[in-house]
Amino acid sequence: MEEKNINYQQPCYEEDEIDLYELWQTIKKRKKLIIGLFLSITILTGIFSFIMTPIYRSESAIMPISSESSPLGNLAGLAAMAGVSVGGGEDSAKIVAILNSRDIKERVIKKLNLIPVLLEDEIPEDRNPMNVAVETLDDMVSISEDKKTGVININVDYKDPKLAQKIANTYIDELHKIMNEKNLTVAKFNRIELEKQLKDQEEKLKKLENKLAEFQKKTKILSPEDQLSGVMDLYSNLISQKMKLLVQLRSLESAFSANNPRIKTLKSQIKAVDKEIKNIEEKTNIGALPSLSQAPEKMVEYSNIMRDLKVAQTVYETLVKMYEQAKLQEAKENIYVEIIDPPSLPDKPVKPKKKLMVAVAGITSLILGIFLAFFLEWLEGIKNRNKLNEAKTE
């Protein structure tokens, strides 16, 4: 009885034991299958990798910079160069958001006329060509930000290396345009307003100069009375002062409510200046200046033209100074983009990676071949055991 139990348990132990020699024999037995599968898959993958359309990558790198330098900004820049993590901050986040926006994609597509290029295959009638082109371009372009240095990488993958470089360049160009359009700061608002006023004042000044020239040509009067010079200087200074106060008021009104103390103070100052201007104008008009009231009619008209011209010149000069100051202030508030690496013209494709594809295919096919060899051997073993059992039964 004991002997029968030993004989029954011994085969189970042998079946559970992994015999490396038997495994090697199985691989050796099925070597044609393994080698055949390995060669066929590897060769087919190699052929396919050569047939595939090569894809080139144009790489570029940009970094946001602020035109207004500060000790803190300089230290942050040095820290980034030293490898200390300072991050790109809000400026980098804004630029990445613009680069990933639909707006810039549509601008690039329209500027380069990419719809016929990107839509090589027919699209369904219910799809908008621009939407499909935007999706295609989105797959081609990758935007990434280095949180450590704040550098933003723009990579464009396409089968035409020159077009890939052109797309990357257009992305950067359109980025600058969008930033200039969207960046409406208080300083920019002031600059735009002053630009309009400067243009209007320039036209007004030209008209007065022409009017004076025509008057002098007709009347032969070349210079006003000396008594007017002091009044005109005071009048011009008051007009200039009023212009400066008005610009300051508009700037504050765009940022604060009407109840702000600074706005109320400016309004009071403007009111006081207006009162002084009105007093001078009334004195001039009613003849408070004796020489003017007694002057001939043409001399009075000449003096009025000269007064208007001097005021216009003073206002124009004041506006020019304020306009230049507004431009400087706007430049301080703007965000600029520095091109660290301009878009490259690739000469080697990044896809397909032929060597990697063949290597992966070879390893995968080898593993698959060995697995298939053991699987077939296992099936063959089952068949043989079934036949043996049938023979014993008979």
Protein backbone atom coordinates (compact mmCIF):
# COMPACT_ATOMS: atom_id res chain seq x y z
CA MET A 1 0.00 0.00 0.00
CA GLU A 2 2.83 2.34 0.95
CA GLU A 3 4.72 1.52 -2.25
CA LYS A 4 1.72 2.42 -4.40
CA ASN A 5 1.48 5.86 -2.76
CA ILE A 6 5.15 6.59 -3.48
CA ASN A 7 4.74 5.62 -7.13
CA TYR A 8 1.64 7.86 -7.40
CA GLN A 9 3.32 10.96 -5.94
CA GLN A 10 6.64 10.71 -7.82
CA PRO A 11 5.33 11.66 -11.33
CA CYS A 12 3.62 14.82 -9.90
CA TYR A 13 6.93 15.98 -8.49
CA GLU A 14 8.63 15.45 -11.85
CA GLU A 15 5.87 17.31 -13.74
CA ASP A 16 6.08 20.36 -11.44
CA GLU A 17 9.86 20.59 -11.63
CA ILE A 18 11.21 23.09 -14.24
CA ASP A 19 13.83 21.35 -16.32
CA LEU A 20 16.05 23.92 -18.11
CA TYR A 21 17.38 21.26 -20.41
CA GLU A 22 13.85 20.41 -21.56
CA LEU A 23 13.17 24.12 -22.16
CA TRP A 24 16.30 24.36 -24.24
CA GLN A 25 15.31 21.25 -26.15
CA THR A 26 11.90 22.81 -26.87
CA ILE A 27 13.52 26.01 -28.18
CA LYS A 28 15.96 23.96 -30.24
CA LYS A 29 13.14 21.83 -31.59
CA ARG A 30 11.10 24.90 -32.65
CA LYS A 31 14.06 27.01 -33.75
CA LYS A 32 12.81 27.27 -37.33
CA LEU A 33 9.54 28.76 -36.10
CA ILE A 34 11.31 31.21 -33.75
CA ILE A 35 13.91 32.29 -36.32
CA GLY A 36 11.30 32.53 -39.08
CA LEU A 37 9.00 34.69 -36.97
CA PHE A 38 11.93 36.85 -35.83
CA LEU A 39 13.23 37.44 -39.35
CA SER A 40 9.84 38.03 -40.95
CA ILE A 41 8.65 40.58 -38.36
CA THR A 42 12.03 42.35 -38.19
CA ILE A 43 12.36 42.58 -41.98
CA LEU A 44 8.76 43.77 -42.41
CA THR A 45 9.26 46.40 -39.72
CA GLY A 46 12.48 47.55 -41.38
CA ILE A 47 10.76 47.83 -44.76
CA PHE A 48 7.82 49.66 -43.20
CA SER A 49 10.14 52.13 -41.43
CA PHE A 50 11.75 53.01 -44.77
CA ILE A 51 8.37 53.38 -46.49
CA MET A 52 6.98 55.69 -43.78
CA THR A 53 7.04 59.44 -44.52
CA PRO A 54 9.93 61.05 -42.62
CA ILE A 55 8.90 63.73 -40.12
CA TYR A 56 11.21 66.67 -39.37
CA ARG A 57 11.19 68.81 -36.23
CA SER A 58 11.91 72.53 -36.09
CA GLU A 59 12.87 73.51 -32.55
CA SER A 60 12.89 76.98 -31.01
CA ALA A 61 13.09 78.47 -27.53
CA ILE A 62 11.83 81.79 -26.19
CA MET A 63 11.81 83.51 -22.80
CA PRO A 64 9.54 86.28 -21.47
CA ILE A 65 11.38 89.35 -20.20
CA SER A 66 10.20 92.57 -18.60
CA SER A 67 11.58 95.83 -19.93
CA GLU A 68 11.53 97.34 -16.43
CA SER A 69 14.61 95.95 -14.72
CA SER A 70 14.81 95.69 -10.97
CA PRO A 71 17.30 94.24 -8.46
CA LEU A 72 14.86 91.45 -7.70
CA GLY A 73 14.46 90.63 -11.39
CA ASN A 74 18.24 90.55 -11.89
CA LEU A 75 18.67 88.23 -8.91
CA ALA A 76 15.96 85.95 -10.26
CA GLY A 77 17.75 85.79 -13.60
CA LEU A 78 21.07 84.93 -11.95
CA ALA A 79 19.36 82.28 -9.83
CA ALA A 80 17.85 80.67 -12.92
CA MET A 81 21.27 80.59 -14.63
CA ALA A 82 22.74 78.97 -11.53
CA GLY A 83 20.13 76.23 -11.65
CA VAL A 84 17.97 77.46 -8.79
CA SER A 85 14.28 77.00 -9.49
CA VAL A 86 12.61 80.40 -9.86
CA GLY A 87 9.87 79.49 -12.34
CA GLY A 88 8.57 81.43 -15.30
CA GLY A 89 5.89 83.20 -13.29
CA GLU A 90 2.73 84.74 -14.65
CA ASP A 91 4.46 86.05 -17.79
CA SER A 92 5.41 82.55 -18.95
CA ALA A 93 1.94 81.23 -18.15
CA LYS A 94 0.35 83.99 -20.24
CA ILE A 95 2.63 83.29 -23.20
CA VAL A 96 2.01 79.53 -23.04
CA ALA A 97 -1.74 80.21 -22.93
CA ILE A 98 -1.49 82.40 -26.04
CA LEU A 99 0.62 79.82 -27.89
CA ASN A 100 -1.95 77.11 -27.10
CA SER A 101 -4.92 79.30 -28.02
CA ARG A 102 -7.12 78.78 -31.06
CA ASP A 103 -6.61 82.42 -32.03
CA ILE A 104 -2.90 82.04 -32.79
CA LYS A 105 -3.48 78.76 -34.65
CA GLU A 106 -6.04 80.39 -36.94
CA ARG A 107 -3.70 83.34 -37.53
CA VAL A 108 -0.84 81.00 -38.52
CA ILE A 109 -3.11 78.99 -40.83
CA LYS A 110 -4.45 82.11 -42.55
CA LYS A 111 -1.06 83.80 -42.88
CA LEU A 112 0.63 80.75 -44.44
CA ASN A 113 -2.52 79.54 -46.26
CA LEU A 114 -2.16 76.10 -44.65
CA ILE A 115 -5.69 74.74 -45.24
CA PRO A 116 -4.85 73.21 -48.68
CA VAL A 117 -1.56 71.88 -47.27
CA LEU A 118 -2.92 70.36 -44.07
CA LEU A 119 -6.15 68.97 -45.54
CA GLU A 120 -4.68 66.50 -48.01
CA ASP A 121 -7.54 64.05 -47.53
CA GLU A 122 -11.16 64.84 -48.21
CA ILE A 123 -13.10 65.95 -45.16
CA PRO A 124 -16.79 65.33 -44.43
CA GLU A 125 -19.17 68.01 -45.67
CA ASP A 126 -20.45 68.68 -42.15
CA ARG A 127 -16.94 69.59 -40.91
CA ASN A 128 -15.54 73.12 -41.09
CA PRO A 129 -12.17 73.11 -42.95
CA MET A 130 -10.71 75.61 -40.48
CA ASN A 131 -11.66 73.41 -37.52
CA VAL A 132 -9.98 70.39 -39.12
CA ALA A 133 -6.89 72.46 -39.97
CA VAL A 134 -6.67 73.74 -36.38
CA GLU A 135 -6.87 70.17 -35.04
CA THR A 136 -4.16 69.03 -37.47
CA LEU A 137 -1.89 71.94 -36.57
CA ASP A 138 -2.46 71.25 -32.88
CA ASP A 139 -1.13 67.70 -33.38
CA MET A 140 1.93 69.07 -35.21
CA VAL A 141 2.93 71.72 -32.66
CA SER A 142 4.03 71.09 -29.09
CA ILE A 143 4.47 73.86 -26.51
CA SER A 144 6.34 73.14 -23.29
CA GLU A 145 7.63 75.31 -20.45
CA ASP A 146 10.68 74.69 -18.32
CA LYS A 147 9.41 75.58 -14.83
CA LYS A 148 12.96 75.87 -13.58
CA THR A 149 14.23 78.51 -16.03
CA GLY A 150 11.01 79.89 -17.54
CA VAL A 151 12.14 78.96 -21.07
CA ILE A 152 9.30 78.06 -23.46
CA ASN A 153 10.01 75.52 -26.20
CA ILE A 154 8.11 75.54 -29.49
CA ASN A 155 8.50 72.37 -31.56
CA VAL A 156 6.87 71.83 -34.96
CA ASP A 157 6.80 68.36 -36.55
CA TYR A 158 6.07 68.09 -40.28
CA LYS A 159 7.22 66.20 -43.35
CA ASP A 160 8.50 69.40 -45.01
CA PRO A 161 11.42 70.78 -42.94
CA LYS A 162 11.22 74.27 -44.48
CA LEU A 163 7.51 74.57 -43.79
CA ALA A 164 8.05 73.34 -40.22
CA GLN A 165 10.58 76.14 -39.69
CA LYS A 166 8.23 78.67 -41.32
CA ILE A 167 5.36 77.63 -39.04
CA ALA A 168 7.57 78.04 -35.95
CA ASN A 169 8.68 81.50 -37.12
CA THR A 170 5.08 82.53 -37.78
CA TYR A 171 4.07 81.35 -34.31
CA ILE A 172 6.64 83.71 -32.78
CA ASP A 173 5.66 86.61 -35.08
CA GLU A 174 1.96 86.23 -34.30
CA LEU A 175 2.75 85.92 -30.59
CA HIS A 176 4.34 89.38 -30.68
CA LYS A 177 1.31 90.81 -32.50
CA ILE A 178 -1.20 89.30 -30.09
CA MET A 179 0.77 90.52 -27.07
CA ASN A 180 0.79 94.06 -28.47
CA GLU A 181 -2.94 93.92 -29.23
CA LYS A 182 -4.08 92.44 -25.93
CA ASN A 183 -1.73 94.26 -23.58
CA LEU A 184 -3.96 97.32 -22.91
CA THR A 185 -2.39 98.74 -19.76
CA VAL A 186 -3.11 102.16 -18.20
CA ALA A 187 0.08 103.49 -19.80
CA LYS A 188 -0.96 102.19 -23.20
CA PHE A 189 -4.40 103.75 -22.80
CA ASN A 190 -2.74 107.10 -22.02
CA ARG A 191 -0.42 106.77 -25.00
CA ILE A 192 -3.32 106.04 -27.38
CA GLU A 193 -5.34 108.99 -26.07
CA LEU A 194 -2.36 111.34 -26.31
CA GLU A 195 -1.63 110.08 -29.82
CA LYS A 196 -5.15 111.06 -30.92
CA GLN A 197 -4.92 114.47 -29.24
CA LEU A 198 -1.49 115.07 -30.75
CA LYS A 199 -2.78 114.36 -34.24
CA ASP A 200 -5.77 116.70 -33.79
CA GLN A 201 -3.58 119.44 -32.33
CA GLU A 202 -1.10 119.11 -35.20
CA GLU A 203 -3.89 119.68 -37.73
CA LYS A 204 -5.18 122.65 -35.72
CA LEU A 205 -1.67 124.15 -35.59
CA LYS A 206 -1.24 123.83 -39.36
CA LYS A 207 -4.57 125.57 -39.98
CA LEU A 208 -3.60 128.47 -37.71
CA GLU A 209 -0.19 128.80 -39.37
CA ASN A 210 -1.86 128.93 -42.79
CA LYS A 211 -4.38 131.46 -41.48
CA LEU A 212 -1.57 133.67 -40.14
CA ALA A 213 0.37 133.45 -43.40
CA GLU A 214 -2.68 134.48 -45.43
CA PHE A 215 -3.45 137.36 -43.04
CA GLN A 216 0.13 138.65 -43.18
CA LYS A 217 0.11 138.43 -46.95
CA LYS A 218 -3.02 140.58 -47.15
CA THR A 219 -2.28 143.11 -44.38
CA LYS A 220 1.56 143.22 -44.50
CA ILE A 221 1.61 143.05 -40.65
CA LEU A 222 4.70 141.17 -39.50
CA SER A 223 4.76 141.43 -35.66
CA PRO A 224 2.20 141.94 -32.85
CA GLU A 225 2.40 144.61 -30.17
CA ASP A 226 4.92 143.98 -27.42
CA GLN A 227 2.23 144.39 -24.77
CA LEU A 228 0.70 141.06 -25.81
CA SER A 229 3.82 138.99 -25.11
CA GLY A 230 3.44 138.82 -21.31
CA VAL A 231 -0.27 138.02 -21.48
CA MET A 232 0.28 135.35 -24.12
CA ASP A 233 3.02 133.65 -22.09
CA LEU A 234 0.76 133.48 -19.04
CA TYR A 235 -2.17 132.29 -21.15
CA SER A 236 -0.05 129.58 -22.82
CA ASN A 237 1.30 128.35 -19.50
CA LEU A 238 -2.22 128.04 -18.12
CA ILE A 239 -3.36 126.06 -21.18
CA SER A 240 -0.34 123.76 -20.85
CA GLN A 241 -1.06 123.26 -17.15
CA LYS A 242 -4.68 122.43 -17.92
CA MET A 243 -3.67 119.83 -20.54
CA LYS A 244 -1.41 118.05 -18.06
CA LEU A 245 -4.12 118.01 -15.41
CA LEU A 246 -6.68 116.62 -17.89
CA VAL A 247 -4.38 113.77 -18.92
CA GLN A 248 -3.74 112.89 -15.27
CA LEU A 249 -7.50 112.97 -14.63
CA ARG A 250 -8.25 110.60 -17.53
CA SER A 251 -5.56 108.23 -16.36
CA LEU A 252 -6.98 108.11 -12.83
CA GLU A 253 -10.59 107.82 -14.05
CA SER A 254 -9.66 104.70 -16.04
CA ALA A 255 -8.39 103.03 -12.85
CA PHE A 256 -10.42 104.52 -9.96
CA SER A 257 -13.97 105.62 -9.17
CA ALA A 258 -15.19 109.23 -9.28
CA ASN A 259 -15.15 109.41 -5.46
CA ASN A 260 -11.39 108.95 -5.28
CA PRO A 261 -9.75 111.87 -3.38
CA ARG A 262 -7.06 112.31 -6.04
CA ILE A 263 -9.72 112.66 -8.76
CA LYS A 264 -11.60 115.26 -6.71
CA THR A 265 -8.37 117.22 -6.13
CA LEU A 266 -7.53 117.22 -9.85
CA LYS A 267 -11.02 118.44 -10.74
CA SER A 268 -10.66 121.32 -8.28
CA GLN A 269 -7.28 122.26 -9.78
CA ILE A 270 -8.70 122.17 -13.32
CA LYS A 271 -11.60 124.38 -12.23
CA ALA A 272 -9.19 126.95 -10.77
CA VAL A 273 -7.06 126.98 -13.94
CA ASP A 274 -10.19 127.37 -16.09
CA LYS A 275 -11.16 130.40 -14.02
CA GLU A 276 -7.80 132.06 -14.63
CA ILE A 277 -7.97 131.30 -18.37
CA LYS A 278 -11.46 132.77 -18.55
CA ASN A 279 -10.31 135.95 -16.79
CA ILE A 280 -7.53 136.49 -19.33
CA GLU A 281 -9.87 135.80 -22.26
CA GLU A 282 -12.45 138.27 -20.88
CA LYS A 283 -9.86 140.98 -20.32
CA THR A 284 -8.53 140.54 -23.85
CA ASN A 285 -11.98 140.59 -25.45
CA ILE A 286 -13.51 143.57 -23.54
CA GLY A 287 -10.51 145.82 -24.04
CA ALA A 288 -9.01 145.74 -20.56
CA LEU A 289 -5.67 146.10 -22.31
CA PRO A 290 -5.68 149.75 -23.41
CA SER A 291 -3.41 149.36 -26.42
CA LEU A 292 -5.55 146.58 -27.84
CA SER A 293 -8.82 148.45 -27.41
CA GLN A 294 -7.36 151.47 -29.13
CA ALA A 295 -5.57 149.47 -31.89
CA PRO A 296 -6.87 149.34 -35.43
CA GLU A 297 -9.25 146.52 -36.32
CA LYS A 298 -6.63 144.60 -38.31
CA MET A 299 -4.14 144.78 -35.46
CA VAL A 300 -6.70 143.33 -33.05
CA GLU A 301 -7.45 140.48 -35.49
CA TYR A 302 -3.73 139.86 -35.94
CA SER A 303 -3.25 139.74 -32.17
CA ASN A 304 -6.08 137.22 -31.81
CA ILE A 305 -4.57 134.97 -34.48
CA MET A 306 -1.16 135.18 -32.81
CA ARG A 307 -2.71 134.37 -29.45
CA ASP A 308 -4.44 131.27 -30.85
CA LEU A 309 -1.27 130.21 -32.65
CA LYS A 310 0.91 130.58 -29.55
CA VAL A 311 -1.58 128.63 -27.48
CA ALA A 312 -1.74 125.90 -30.14
CA GLN A 313 2.07 125.69 -30.23
CA THR A 314 2.28 125.45 -26.45
CA VAL A 315 -0.38 122.75 -26.33
CA TYR A 316 1.36 120.85 -29.12
CA GLU A 317 4.76 120.99 -27.39
CA THR A 318 3.18 119.88 -24.12
CA LEU A 319 1.43 116.97 -25.82
CA VAL A 320 4.68 115.89 -27.51
CA LYS A 321 6.49 115.75 -24.15
CA MET A 322 3.63 113.89 -22.50
CA TYR A 323 3.41 111.48 -25.45
CA GLU A 324 7.10 110.60 -25.16
CA GLN A 325 6.72 110.04 -21.41
CA ALA A 326 3.68 107.82 -22.02
CA LYS A 327 5.65 105.71 -24.51
CA LEU A 328 8.45 105.21 -22.00
CA GLN A 329 5.97 104.24 -19.29
CA GLU A 330 4.22 101.83 -21.65
CA ALA A 331 7.52 100.18 -22.50
CA LYS A 332 8.12 99.57 -18.79
CA GLU A 333 4.77 97.83 -18.36
CA ASN A 334 4.98 95.64 -21.46
CA ILE A 335 6.04 91.98 -21.57
CA TYR A 336 8.57 91.14 -24.27
CA VAL A 337 9.74 87.84 -25.63
CA GLU A 338 13.40 87.13 -26.15
CA ILE A 339 14.23 84.53 -28.79
CA ILE A 340 16.88 82.31 -27.24
CA ASP A 341 17.00 79.76 -30.07
CA PRO A 342 15.44 80.79 -33.41
CA PRO A 343 13.46 78.08 -35.25
CA SER A 344 15.92 75.59 -36.70
CA LEU A 345 15.91 74.12 -40.21
CA PRO A 346 16.10 70.35 -39.53
CA ASP A 347 18.22 68.16 -41.79
CA LYS A 348 17.51 64.81 -40.09
CA PRO A 349 14.06 63.33 -39.47
CA VAL A 350 12.93 62.65 -35.91
CA LYS A 351 10.40 60.06 -37.10
CA PRO A 352 10.38 57.21 -37.84
CA LYS A 353 13.19 56.01 -35.56
CA LYS A 354 14.26 53.14 -37.82
CA LYS A 355 16.84 51.53 -35.52
CA LEU A 356 14.56 51.68 -32.51
CA MET A 357 11.63 50.26 -34.48
CA VAL A 358 13.71 47.35 -35.81
CA ALA A 359 15.20 46.65 -32.35
CA VAL A 360 11.81 46.66 -30.64
CA ALA A 361 10.31 44.51 -33.41
CA GLY A 362 13.20 42.04 -33.15
CA ILE A 363 12.95 41.66 -29.36
CA THR A 364 9.15 41.44 -29.47
CA SER A 365 9.17 38.83 -32.25
CA LEU A 366 11.80 36.77 -30.40
CA ILE A 367 9.71 36.73 -27.21
CA LEU A 368 6.59 35.96 -29.22
CA GLY A 369 8.37 33.14 -31.07
CA ILE A 370 9.60 31.51 -27.85
CA PHE A 371 6.16 31.82 -26.26
CA LEU A 372 4.57 30.27 -29.38
CA ALA A 373 7.14 27.44 -29.33
CA PHE A 374 6.27 26.55 -25.72
CA PHE A 375 2.58 26.86 -26.45
CA LEU A 376 2.83 24.45 -29.41
CA GLU A 377 4.94 22.08 -27.32
CA TRP A 378 2.31 22.20 -24.58
CA LEU A 379 -0.44 21.39 -27.09
CA GLU A 380 1.63 18.56 -28.50
CA GLY A 381 2.18 17.19 -24.98
CA ILE A 382 -1.57 17.20 -24.30
CA LYS A 383 -2.22 15.34 -27.56
CA ASN A 384 0.42 12.73 -26.74
CA ARG A 385 -0.98 12.20 -23.23
CA ASN A 386 -4.48 11.82 -24.64
CA LYS A 387 -3.27 9.22 -27.13
CA LEU A 388 -1.40 7.38 -24.36
CA ASN A 389 -4.49 7.34 -22.16
CA GLU A 390 -6.60 6.06 -25.04
CA ALA A 391 -4.06 3.31 -25.72
CA LYS A 392 -4.07 2.26 -22.04
CA THR A 393 -7.85 2.21 -22.01
CA GLU A 394 -7.97 -0.08 -25.05
